[in-house]
Amino acid sequence: MSKVILLSFDIEEFDIPEEYGEKIEDATKFEVSSKGLDLILLLLERLKIKATFFVTANFALNHKTVLTKIAAHHEIASHGYYHASFSPEDLEKSRQVLSHLTGEKILGFRMPRLQNVNDKAIERAGYEYNSSMNPTYLPGRYNNFFKNRTAYYSDNLLNIPISVTPLLRFPLFWLSFKNFPFWLIKLATRLTMANDHYLNIYFHPWEFSDISRFKLPSYVKRHSGNKMLERLEHYLCWLKSQGEFIPFSEFKQNFLLPNLR
């Protein structure tokens, strides 16, 4: 497989301020995410880039028209039923809701906040791939430094961890993109793609709305709104020279089956 880029966006209720004690009305949660999503879709259309959108069933049920529009050009995968809460039955319920709304088979799952989730339960719920793990160490968030860094099978479920660099495991995800200079992000991207032949990087639509009024740490609010959109465009234009953008389902299709490894 030539070098490929798995670009994804987690479409969810904007509830991150509640992690820091600020209560947010549901209407505001949807509005902030929707504004950023509109800008993302326009950018991807202009750059002719395909992405995978991990969507909560709650968001999808409240934005059916937008979901249909996305599904016409990109892949839809599950991000659970609600972003702020989880129960085991949500795995299958969210897949069924998204499949019903799009008319498409939903193959992939990503757990909100990349929390631990049982591979067997994901497979039983009807998914073929899972992208719910950041294989690095971030105090208070992830402790996965010694887990598999690249894509691997767990029985018949393909796990596709978020990309980190070899050795040091520098994380290539939205917070790094917000807080580190471009030269470092590009260097880490090159090292990762040279070693793995693919890149798995994700963002949230709410990052591309102006979130400066909310009570969030500076490392979360930094480069929000149009500044973040400009940074993403710069990065995506550069990435187009590094590999081909494909949806997760295509990556899954081309990845070796367990009995062929």
Protein backbone atom coordinates (compact mmCIF):
# COMPACT_ATOMS: atom_id res chain seq x y z
CA MET A 1 0.00 0.00 0.00
CA SER A 2 1.35 3.46 -0.91
CA LYS A 3 1.40 6.15 1.77
CA VAL A 4 -2.12 7.10 2.81
CA ILE A 5 -3.72 9.63 5.14
CA LEU A 6 -6.70 8.82 7.34
CA LEU A 7 -8.22 12.20 8.16
CA SER A 8 -11.16 12.13 10.53
CA PHE A 9 -13.41 14.46 12.49
CA ASP A 10 -15.34 13.58 15.65
CA ILE A 11 -18.78 15.19 15.31
CA GLU A 12 -20.16 15.49 18.81
CA GLU A 13 -21.95 17.71 21.25
CA PHE A 14 -19.58 20.50 22.36
CA ASP A 15 -19.42 19.42 25.98
CA ILE A 16 -15.72 19.87 26.76
CA PRO A 17 -16.38 23.01 28.92
CA GLU A 18 -18.33 20.77 31.30
CA GLU A 19 -15.09 18.90 32.02
CA TYR A 20 -13.92 22.19 33.54
CA GLY A 21 -17.08 23.02 35.47
CA GLU A 22 -18.97 25.20 32.96
CA LYS A 23 -22.52 24.02 32.28
CA ILE A 24 -23.56 24.33 28.62
CA GLU A 25 -27.08 24.27 27.20
CA ASP A 26 -27.78 21.56 24.62
CA ALA A 27 -28.62 24.14 21.97
CA THR A 28 -25.21 25.76 22.43
CA LYS A 29 -23.45 22.38 22.26
CA PHE A 30 -25.02 21.69 18.87
CA GLU A 31 -24.57 25.24 17.58
CA VAL A 32 -20.82 25.42 18.28
CA SER A 33 -20.16 22.06 16.60
CA SER A 34 -22.43 22.86 13.65
CA LYS A 35 -20.71 26.15 12.85
CA GLY A 36 -17.31 24.50 12.73
CA LEU A 37 -18.67 21.57 10.73
CA ASP A 38 -19.99 23.83 7.99
CA LEU A 39 -16.54 25.37 7.56
CA ILE A 40 -14.83 21.97 7.52
CA LEU A 41 -17.13 20.63 4.82
CA LEU A 42 -16.49 23.66 2.61
CA LEU A 43 -12.73 23.29 3.06
CA LEU A 44 -12.73 19.57 2.22
CA GLU A 45 -14.89 20.20 -0.84
CA ARG A 46 -12.54 22.92 -2.07
CA LEU A 47 -9.45 20.77 -1.52
CA LYS A 48 -11.15 17.64 -2.91
CA ILE A 49 -10.29 15.60 0.18
CA LYS A 50 -12.28 12.64 1.52
CA ALA A 51 -12.49 12.10 5.26
CA THR A 52 -14.19 9.88 7.81
CA PHE A 53 -16.66 11.46 10.24
CA PHE A 54 -17.20 9.71 13.57
CA VAL A 55 -20.66 10.96 14.60
CA THR A 56 -22.65 10.58 17.80
CA ALA A 57 -26.16 9.28 17.21
CA ASN A 58 -27.46 12.19 19.30
CA PHE A 59 -25.90 14.73 16.93
CA ALA A 60 -27.08 12.81 13.87
CA LEU A 61 -30.69 12.64 15.05
CA ASN A 62 -30.70 16.40 15.55
CA HIS A 63 -28.99 17.15 12.21
CA LYS A 64 -30.36 14.61 9.75
CA THR A 65 -30.01 16.81 6.67
CA VAL A 66 -26.37 17.59 7.40
CA LEU A 67 -25.63 13.92 8.03
CA THR A 68 -27.08 12.97 4.65
CA LYS A 69 -24.97 15.66 3.00
CA ILE A 70 -21.79 14.34 4.63
CA ALA A 71 -22.58 10.72 3.78
CA ALA A 72 -22.85 11.62 0.09
CA HIS A 73 -19.14 12.49 -0.05
CA HIS A 74 -17.44 11.02 3.03
CA GLU A 75 -17.54 7.97 5.27
CA ILE A 76 -19.76 7.96 8.36
CA ALA A 77 -18.66 5.99 11.44
CA SER A 78 -19.95 5.85 15.01
CA HIS A 79 -18.79 8.01 17.89
CA GLY A 80 -21.24 6.43 20.33
CA TYR A 81 -24.77 7.51 21.13
CA TYR A 82 -24.03 10.46 23.45
CA HIS A 83 -20.65 12.09 23.88
CA ALA A 84 -20.91 12.63 27.63
CA SER A 85 -22.22 9.21 28.67
CA PHE A 86 -21.87 5.59 27.63
CA SER A 87 -23.58 2.25 28.22
CA PRO A 88 -22.68 -1.02 26.45
CA GLU A 89 -25.93 -1.12 24.48
CA ASP A 90 -25.00 2.24 22.93
CA LEU A 91 -22.50 0.46 20.70
CA GLU A 92 -25.13 -1.31 18.63
CA LYS A 93 -27.79 1.39 19.04
CA SER A 94 -25.56 4.12 17.62
CA ARG A 95 -24.56 1.95 14.66
CA GLN A 96 -28.21 1.18 13.89
CA VAL A 97 -29.25 4.84 14.09
CA LEU A 98 -26.46 5.99 11.76
CA SER A 99 -27.12 3.16 9.32
CA HIS A 100 -30.85 3.97 9.24
CA LEU A 101 -30.23 7.69 8.66
CA THR A 102 -27.60 7.25 5.93
CA GLY A 103 -28.74 4.02 4.30
CA GLU A 104 -25.14 2.84 4.54
CA LYS A 105 -23.39 0.07 6.46
CA ILE A 106 -21.50 1.57 9.41
CA LEU A 107 -18.15 -0.18 9.77
CA GLY A 108 -16.18 1.89 12.27
CA PHE A 109 -16.29 3.03 15.86
CA ARG A 110 -14.41 5.55 17.99
CA MET A 111 -15.06 5.88 21.71
CA PRO A 112 -15.66 9.43 23.00
CA ARG A 113 -12.53 10.90 24.58
CA LEU A 114 -10.69 7.75 23.40
CA GLN A 115 -11.64 5.95 26.59
CA ASN A 116 -11.06 2.23 26.99
CA VAL A 117 -13.69 0.01 25.38
CA ASN A 118 -13.82 -3.76 24.99
CA ASP A 119 -12.81 -5.03 21.53
CA LYS A 120 -15.12 -8.05 21.80
CA ALA A 121 -18.09 -5.80 22.57
CA ILE A 122 -17.29 -3.60 19.56
CA GLU A 123 -17.08 -6.61 17.26
CA ARG A 124 -20.31 -8.10 18.65
CA ALA A 125 -22.05 -4.78 17.97
CA GLY A 126 -21.32 -5.23 14.26
CA TYR A 127 -18.24 -3.08 13.67
CA GLU A 128 -15.24 -4.06 11.56
CA TYR A 129 -12.72 -1.50 12.80
CA ASN A 130 -12.03 0.55 15.92
CA SER A 131 -10.01 3.76 16.27
CA SER A 132 -10.34 4.44 19.99
CA MET A 133 -6.77 4.44 21.27
CA ASN A 134 -3.99 7.03 21.43
CA PRO A 135 -0.83 4.92 21.96
CA THR A 136 1.08 7.45 24.04
CA TYR A 137 1.23 8.81 27.60
CA LEU A 138 -0.54 12.03 28.52
CA PRO A 139 -0.94 12.66 32.27
CA GLY A 140 -4.55 12.46 33.36
CA ARG A 141 -5.76 11.32 29.93
CA TYR A 142 -3.92 8.40 28.30
CA ASN A 143 -1.57 5.73 29.63
CA ASN A 144 -0.99 3.67 26.48
CA PHE A 145 2.73 4.15 25.88
CA PHE A 146 3.49 0.41 25.67
CA LYS A 147 0.43 -0.62 23.67
CA ASN A 148 0.43 -1.35 19.94
CA ARG A 149 1.42 1.77 18.06
CA THR A 150 0.24 0.75 14.58
CA ALA A 151 -2.82 -0.99 13.12
CA TYR A 152 -3.42 -4.55 14.29
CA TYR A 153 -6.15 -7.16 14.45
CA SER A 154 -7.92 -8.26 17.61
CA ASP A 155 -9.66 -11.38 16.29
CA ASN A 156 -11.67 -9.99 13.35
CA LEU A 157 -11.69 -6.38 14.54
CA LEU A 158 -9.06 -4.07 13.01
CA ASN A 159 -7.72 -1.59 15.56
CA ILE A 160 -6.32 1.60 14.05
CA PRO A 161 -4.62 3.65 16.81
CA ILE A 162 -4.18 7.40 16.47
CA SER A 163 -0.77 8.13 14.94
CA VAL A 164 2.25 8.81 17.12
CA THR A 165 5.88 8.94 16.09
CA PRO A 166 8.14 5.91 16.43
CA LEU A 167 10.26 5.65 19.61
CA LEU A 168 9.29 8.86 21.44
CA ARG A 169 5.60 8.46 20.58
CA PHE A 170 4.99 12.16 20.02
CA PRO A 171 1.19 12.33 19.53
CA LEU A 172 -0.14 13.61 16.21
CA PHE A 173 -3.61 14.72 17.20
CA TRP A 174 -5.64 17.88 17.59
CA LEU A 175 -3.96 19.21 20.77
CA SER A 176 -0.49 18.83 19.28
CA PHE A 177 -1.64 20.61 16.15
CA LYS A 178 -2.98 23.50 18.23
CA ASN A 179 0.06 23.96 20.43
CA PHE A 180 3.22 23.07 18.52
CA PRO A 181 4.90 24.86 15.59
CA PHE A 182 4.33 23.63 12.06
CA TRP A 183 7.93 22.59 11.54
CA LEU A 184 7.64 20.12 14.42
CA ILE A 185 4.26 18.78 13.26
CA LYS A 186 5.59 18.30 9.73
CA LEU A 187 8.75 16.59 10.99
CA ALA A 188 6.70 14.23 13.18
CA THR A 189 4.35 13.56 10.27
CA ARG A 190 7.22 12.69 7.92
CA LEU A 191 8.84 10.37 10.47
CA THR A 192 5.56 8.59 11.14
CA MET A 193 4.58 8.15 7.51
CA ALA A 194 8.07 6.99 6.54
CA ASN A 195 7.87 4.28 9.20
CA ASP A 196 4.17 3.31 9.06
CA HIS A 197 3.21 4.26 5.49
CA TYR A 198 0.02 5.84 6.80
CA LEU A 199 -1.16 8.66 9.07
CA ASN A 200 -4.22 8.63 11.35
CA ILE A 201 -5.02 12.15 12.55
CA TYR A 202 -8.27 13.59 13.88
CA PHE A 203 -9.93 16.88 14.81
CA HIS A 204 -13.30 18.13 16.13
CA PRO A 205 -15.54 20.57 14.21
CA TRP A 206 -15.98 22.70 17.36
CA GLU A 207 -12.27 23.61 17.17
CA PHE A 208 -13.11 25.66 14.08
CA SER A 209 -15.72 27.74 15.89
CA ASP A 210 -14.75 30.68 18.10
CA ILE A 211 -14.61 29.08 21.56
CA SER A 212 -12.72 31.93 23.25
CA ARG A 213 -15.72 32.84 25.48
CA PHE A 214 -15.80 29.47 27.22
CA LYS A 215 -13.95 28.56 30.41
CA LEU A 216 -11.35 26.29 28.89
CA PRO A 217 -7.58 25.93 29.35
CA SER A 218 -5.50 28.03 26.97
CA TYR A 219 -4.09 24.92 25.31
CA VAL A 220 -7.64 23.95 24.26
CA LYS A 221 -8.77 27.42 23.14
CA ARG A 222 -5.57 28.28 21.29
CA HIS A 223 -5.99 28.84 17.54
CA SER A 224 -9.75 28.31 17.55
CA GLY A 225 -12.09 29.61 14.86
CA ASN A 226 -10.65 31.03 11.64
CA LYS A 227 -7.07 30.76 12.88
CA MET A 228 -7.50 27.02 13.33
CA LEU A 229 -9.16 26.73 9.93
CA GLU A 230 -6.19 28.50 8.30
CA ARG A 231 -3.77 26.19 10.08
CA LEU A 232 -5.69 23.13 8.96
CA GLU A 233 -5.81 24.29 5.34
CA HIS A 234 -2.05 24.89 5.39
CA TYR A 235 -1.45 21.42 6.83
CA LEU A 236 -3.84 19.62 4.48
CA CYS A 237 -2.36 21.30 1.40
CA TRP A 238 1.07 20.14 2.52
CA LEU A 239 -0.22 16.64 3.34
CA LYS A 240 -1.53 16.24 -0.21
CA SER A 241 2.11 16.08 -1.33
CA GLN A 242 2.87 13.36 1.23
CA GLY A 243 0.21 10.75 0.42
CA GLU A 244 -3.34 9.99 -0.64
CA PHE A 245 -6.38 10.75 1.52
CA ILE A 246 -8.64 7.72 1.90
CA PRO A 247 -11.52 6.82 4.26
CA PHE A 248 -10.98 4.29 7.04
CA SER A 249 -13.16 1.73 5.27
CA GLU A 250 -10.77 1.67 2.30
CA PHE A 251 -7.79 1.28 4.63
CA LYS A 252 -9.60 -1.61 6.32
CA GLN A 253 -10.32 -3.24 2.96
CA ASN A 254 -6.65 -3.14 1.95
CA PHE A 255 -5.24 -4.22 5.31
CA LEU A 256 -4.26 -7.88 5.62
CA LEU A 257 -6.91 -10.18 7.07
CA PRO A 258 -5.93 -11.98 10.29
CA ASN A 259 -5.42 -15.34 8.58
CA LEU A 260 -3.19 -13.77 5.91
CA ARG A 261 -0.78 -11.91 8.21
